[in-house]
Amino acid sequence: YRLNVKDMPGKPDIYLPKYHAAIQVNGCLWHGHNCPQFVLPKTRTEFWKNKIKSNVERDLKNIATLHDKGFRLLVIWECALRGKARLDNRYIFSLFVRWLSSTEALANLDKQGLTSRTLHDFKYQINPSLNKF
């Protein structure tokens, strides 16, 4: 495995060359996830909304580029790992192993569990308060 691969789009947190798979761990606030952990700051709201929106736009572009280059991608959201609704570590590991041994190109792991995604519907996991993309 390799960590924070600088020469890959989006600089994934983990890259597994044997599986041609990348893993990105996203903070729900910083990447605009549509979950209870996403709370837009009450001060400088417009600044933060624009900042998070640009993060999301960059994420979507990087996901598309990775997908076009034939990489598989798993996005693990903070809400799966932290907070009251977090998933059990063994369960997370079993979901990860299931995804890794599958042929799914894009998947999402959040407090709801593991979900396959198409490139088109990845943007629908983004909090609607950030407006449409």
C-alpha atoms as a PDB file:
ATOM      1  CA  TYR A   1       0.000   0.000   0.000  1.00  0.00           C
ATOM      2  CA  ARG A   2       0.976   3.644  -0.397  1.00  0.00           C
ATOM      3  CA  LEU A   3      -0.186   6.650   1.620  1.00  0.00           C
ATOM      4  CA  ASN A   4      -1.120  10.105   0.282  1.00  0.00           C
ATOM      5  CA  VAL A   5      -0.062   9.399  -3.294  1.00  0.00           C
ATOM      6  CA  LYS A   6       0.869  12.808  -4.677  1.00  0.00           C
ATOM      7  CA  ASP A   7       0.866  11.802  -8.346  1.00  0.00           C
ATOM      8  CA  MET A   8      -2.770  10.545  -8.271  1.00  0.00           C
ATOM      9  CA  PRO A   9      -5.802  12.824  -8.704  1.00  0.00           C
ATOM     10  CA  GLY A  10      -7.041  13.956  -5.304  1.00  0.00           C
ATOM     11  CA  LYS A  11      -3.981  12.537  -3.541  1.00  0.00           C
ATOM     12  CA  PRO A  12      -5.883   9.553  -2.057  1.00  0.00           C
ATOM     13  CA  ASP A  13      -5.223   8.700   1.576  1.00  0.00           C
ATOM     14  CA  ILE A  14      -4.436   5.078   0.702  1.00  0.00           C
ATOM     15  CA  TYR A  15      -3.625   3.387  -2.594  1.00  0.00           C
ATOM     16  CA  LEU A  16      -3.563  -0.388  -2.986  1.00  0.00           C
ATOM     17  CA  PRO A  17      -1.690  -1.064  -6.268  1.00  0.00           C
ATOM     18  CA  LYS A  18      -2.506  -4.800  -6.299  1.00  0.00           C
ATOM     19  CA  TYR A  19      -6.226  -3.951  -6.463  1.00  0.00           C
ATOM     20  CA  HIS A  20      -5.851  -0.714  -8.449  1.00  0.00           C
ATOM     21  CA  ALA A  21      -7.915   0.779  -5.607  1.00  0.00           C
ATOM     22  CA  ALA A  22      -7.820   4.107  -3.798  1.00  0.00           C
ATOM     23  CA  ILE A  23      -9.367   4.970  -0.454  1.00  0.00           C
ATOM     24  CA  GLN A  24     -10.254   8.487   0.561  1.00  0.00           C
ATOM     25  CA  VAL A  25     -11.318   9.315   4.135  1.00  0.00           C
ATOM     26  CA  ASN A  26     -13.460  12.463   4.103  1.00  0.00           C
ATOM     27  CA  GLY A  27     -14.502  14.705   6.965  1.00  0.00           C
ATOM     28  CA  CYS A  28     -18.255  15.275   6.763  1.00  0.00           C
ATOM     29  CA  LEU A  29     -17.965  19.047   7.273  1.00  0.00           C
ATOM     30  CA  TRP A  30     -15.013  19.687   4.942  1.00  0.00           C
ATOM     31  CA  HIS A  31     -16.479  17.627   2.115  1.00  0.00           C
ATOM     32  CA  GLY A  32     -20.152  18.598   2.523  1.00  0.00           C
ATOM     33  CA  HIS A  33     -21.578  15.176   3.392  1.00  0.00           C
ATOM     34  CA  ASN A  34     -25.352  15.015   3.785  1.00  0.00           C
ATOM     35  CA  CYS A  35     -25.414  13.717   7.360  1.00  0.00           C
ATOM     36  CA  PRO A  36     -26.023  15.098  10.880  1.00  0.00           C
ATOM     37  CA  GLN A  37     -22.291  15.751  11.356  1.00  0.00           C
ATOM     38  CA  PHE A  38     -22.402  18.384   8.618  1.00  0.00           C
ATOM     39  CA  VAL A  39     -23.230  21.673  10.330  1.00  0.00           C
ATOM     40  CA  LEU A  40     -22.452  24.840   8.435  1.00  0.00           C
ATOM     41  CA  PRO A  41     -20.577  27.238  10.776  1.00  0.00           C
ATOM     42  CA  LYS A  42     -22.735  30.073  12.119  1.00  0.00           C
ATOM     43  CA  THR A  43     -20.038  32.709  11.631  1.00  0.00           C
ATOM     44  CA  ARG A  44     -18.713  33.719   8.214  1.00  0.00           C
ATOM     45  CA  THR A  45     -21.335  31.397   6.726  1.00  0.00           C
ATOM     46  CA  GLU A  46     -20.881  32.534   3.125  1.00  0.00           C
ATOM     47  CA  PHE A  47     -17.100  32.059   3.326  1.00  0.00           C
ATOM     48  CA  TRP A  48     -17.494  28.511   4.677  1.00  0.00           C
ATOM     49  CA  LYS A  49     -20.251  27.658   2.231  1.00  0.00           C
ATOM     50  CA  ASN A  50     -18.032  28.725  -0.684  1.00  0.00           C
ATOM     51  CA  LYS A  51     -14.977  26.945   0.782  1.00  0.00           C
ATOM     52  CA  ILE A  52     -16.833  23.658   1.291  1.00  0.00           C
ATOM     53  CA  LYS A  53     -18.531  23.975  -2.100  1.00  0.00           C
ATOM     54  CA  SER A  54     -15.133  24.354  -3.799  1.00  0.00           C
ATOM     55  CA  ASN A  55     -13.866  21.295  -1.867  1.00  0.00           C
ATOM     56  CA  VAL A  56     -16.856  19.302  -3.138  1.00  0.00           C
ATOM     57  CA  GLU A  57     -16.355  20.472  -6.729  1.00  0.00           C
ATOM     58  CA  ARG A  58     -12.686  19.463  -6.539  1.00  0.00           C
ATOM     59  CA  ASP A  59     -13.668  16.091  -5.020  1.00  0.00           C
ATOM     60  CA  LEU A  60     -16.115  15.399  -7.851  1.00  0.00           C
ATOM     61  CA  LYS A  61     -13.507  16.315 -10.461  1.00  0.00           C
ATOM     62  CA  ASN A  62     -10.909  14.049  -8.802  1.00  0.00           C
ATOM     63  CA  ILE A  63     -13.402  11.174  -8.536  1.00  0.00           C
ATOM     64  CA  ALA A  64     -14.192  11.505 -12.244  1.00  0.00           C
ATOM     65  CA  THR A  65     -10.492  11.579 -13.159  1.00  0.00           C
ATOM     66  CA  LEU A  66      -9.701   8.517 -11.030  1.00  0.00           C
ATOM     67  CA  HIS A  67     -12.668   6.707 -12.546  1.00  0.00           C
ATOM     68  CA  ASP A  68     -11.635   7.653 -16.098  1.00  0.00           C
ATOM     69  CA  LYS A  69      -8.122   6.332 -15.426  1.00  0.00           C
ATOM     70  CA  GLY A  70      -9.567   2.984 -14.312  1.00  0.00           C
ATOM     71  CA  PHE A  71      -8.934   3.288 -10.579  1.00  0.00           C
ATOM     72  CA  ARG A  72     -11.446   1.943  -8.100  1.00  0.00           C
ATOM     73  CA  LEU A  73     -12.403   4.321  -5.275  1.00  0.00           C
ATOM     74  CA  LEU A  74     -13.884   3.894  -1.816  1.00  0.00           C
ATOM     75  CA  VAL A  75     -14.878   7.063   0.032  1.00  0.00           C
ATOM     76  CA  ILE A  76     -15.071   6.517   3.786  1.00  0.00           C
ATOM     77  CA  TRP A  77     -16.978   9.277   5.563  1.00  0.00           C
ATOM     78  CA  GLU A  78     -16.181  10.541   9.055  1.00  0.00           C
ATOM     79  CA  CYS A  79     -19.712   9.704  10.284  1.00  0.00           C
ATOM     80  CA  ALA A  80     -18.937   5.984   9.847  1.00  0.00           C
ATOM     81  CA  LEU A  81     -15.890   6.322  12.089  1.00  0.00           C
ATOM     82  CA  ARG A  82     -16.907   8.895  14.730  1.00  0.00           C
ATOM     83  CA  GLY A  83     -19.932  10.071  16.659  1.00  0.00           C
ATOM     84  CA  LYS A  84     -22.938   8.361  18.200  1.00  0.00           C
ATOM     85  CA  ALA A  85     -24.009   6.649  14.975  1.00  0.00           C
ATOM     86  CA  ARG A  86     -20.525   5.331  14.113  1.00  0.00           C
ATOM     87  CA  LEU A  87     -20.179   1.791  12.888  1.00  0.00           C
ATOM     88  CA  ASP A  88     -18.406  -0.975  14.760  1.00  0.00           C
ATOM     89  CA  ASN A  89     -14.761  -1.315  13.653  1.00  0.00           C
ATOM     90  CA  ARG A  90     -15.144  -5.006  12.801  1.00  0.00           C
ATOM     91  CA  TYR A  91     -18.203  -4.218  10.705  1.00  0.00           C
ATOM     92  CA  ILE A  92     -16.309  -1.448   8.868  1.00  0.00           C
ATOM     93  CA  PHE A  93     -13.465  -3.864   8.184  1.00  0.00           C
ATOM     94  CA  SER A  94     -15.864  -6.516   6.847  1.00  0.00           C
ATOM     95  CA  LEU A  95     -17.488  -3.932   4.536  1.00  0.00           C
ATOM     96  CA  PHE A  96     -14.059  -2.837   3.346  1.00  0.00           C
ATOM     97  CA  VAL A  97     -13.022  -6.423   2.597  1.00  0.00           C
ATOM     98  CA  ARG A  98     -16.308  -6.997   0.766  1.00  0.00           C
ATOM     99  CA  TRP A  99     -15.720  -3.914  -1.413  1.00  0.00           C
ATOM    100  CA  LEU A 100     -12.069  -4.766  -2.046  1.00  0.00           C
ATOM    101  CA  SER A 101     -12.921  -8.275  -3.222  1.00  0.00           C
ATOM    102  CA  SER A 102     -15.737  -6.993  -5.462  1.00  0.00           C
ATOM    103  CA  THR A 103     -15.551  -5.357  -8.866  1.00  0.00           C
ATOM    104  CA  GLU A 104     -17.323  -2.181  -7.740  1.00  0.00           C
ATOM    105  CA  ALA A 105     -15.543   0.837  -9.181  1.00  0.00           C
ATOM    106  CA  LEU A 106     -17.021   3.456  -6.828  1.00  0.00           C
ATOM    107  CA  ALA A 107     -18.412   2.996  -3.345  1.00  0.00           C
ATOM    108  CA  ASN A 108     -19.346   5.032  -0.336  1.00  0.00           C
ATOM    109  CA  LEU A 109     -18.976   3.956   3.305  1.00  0.00           C
ATOM    110  CA  ASP A 110     -20.887   6.065   5.803  1.00  0.00           C
ATOM    111  CA  LYS A 111     -23.075   5.517   8.861  1.00  0.00           C
ATOM    112  CA  GLN A 112     -25.623   3.853   6.551  1.00  0.00           C
ATOM    113  CA  GLY A 113     -23.067   1.201   5.580  1.00  0.00           C
ATOM    114  CA  LEU A 114     -21.540   0.403   2.197  1.00  0.00           C
ATOM    115  CA  THR A 115     -23.249   1.754  -0.916  1.00  0.00           C
ATOM    116  CA  SER A 116     -22.240   1.298  -4.527  1.00  0.00           C
ATOM    117  CA  ARG A 117     -22.308   4.486  -6.547  1.00  0.00           C
ATOM    118  CA  THR A 118     -22.211   5.493 -10.139  1.00  0.00           C
ATOM    119  CA  LEU A 119     -20.088   8.443 -11.078  1.00  0.00           C
ATOM    120  CA  HIS A 120     -23.256  10.438 -11.757  1.00  0.00           C
ATOM    121  CA  ASP A 121     -24.923   9.848  -8.382  1.00  0.00           C
ATOM    122  CA  PHE A 122     -21.847  10.532  -6.239  1.00  0.00           C
ATOM    123  CA  LYS A 123     -22.897  14.179  -6.094  1.00  0.00           C
ATOM    124  CA  TYR A 124     -26.216  13.294  -4.444  1.00  0.00           C
ATOM    125  CA  GLN A 125     -24.488  12.450  -1.168  1.00  0.00           C
ATOM    126  CA  ILE A 126     -23.622  16.148  -0.796  1.00  0.00           C
ATOM    127  CA  ASN A 127     -25.605  18.286   1.644  1.00  0.00           C
ATOM    128  CA  PRO A 128     -28.410  20.147  -0.176  1.00  0.00           C
ATOM    129  CA  SER A 129     -27.737  23.325   1.834  1.00  0.00           C
ATOM    130  CA  LEU A 130     -24.676  23.825  -0.387  1.00  0.00           C
ATOM    131  CA  ASN A 131     -26.984  24.191  -3.433  1.00  0.00           C
ATOM    132  CA  LYS A 132     -26.856  22.158  -6.622  1.00  0.00           C
ATOM    133  CA  PHE A 133     -23.637  21.413  -8.507  1.00  0.00           C
END
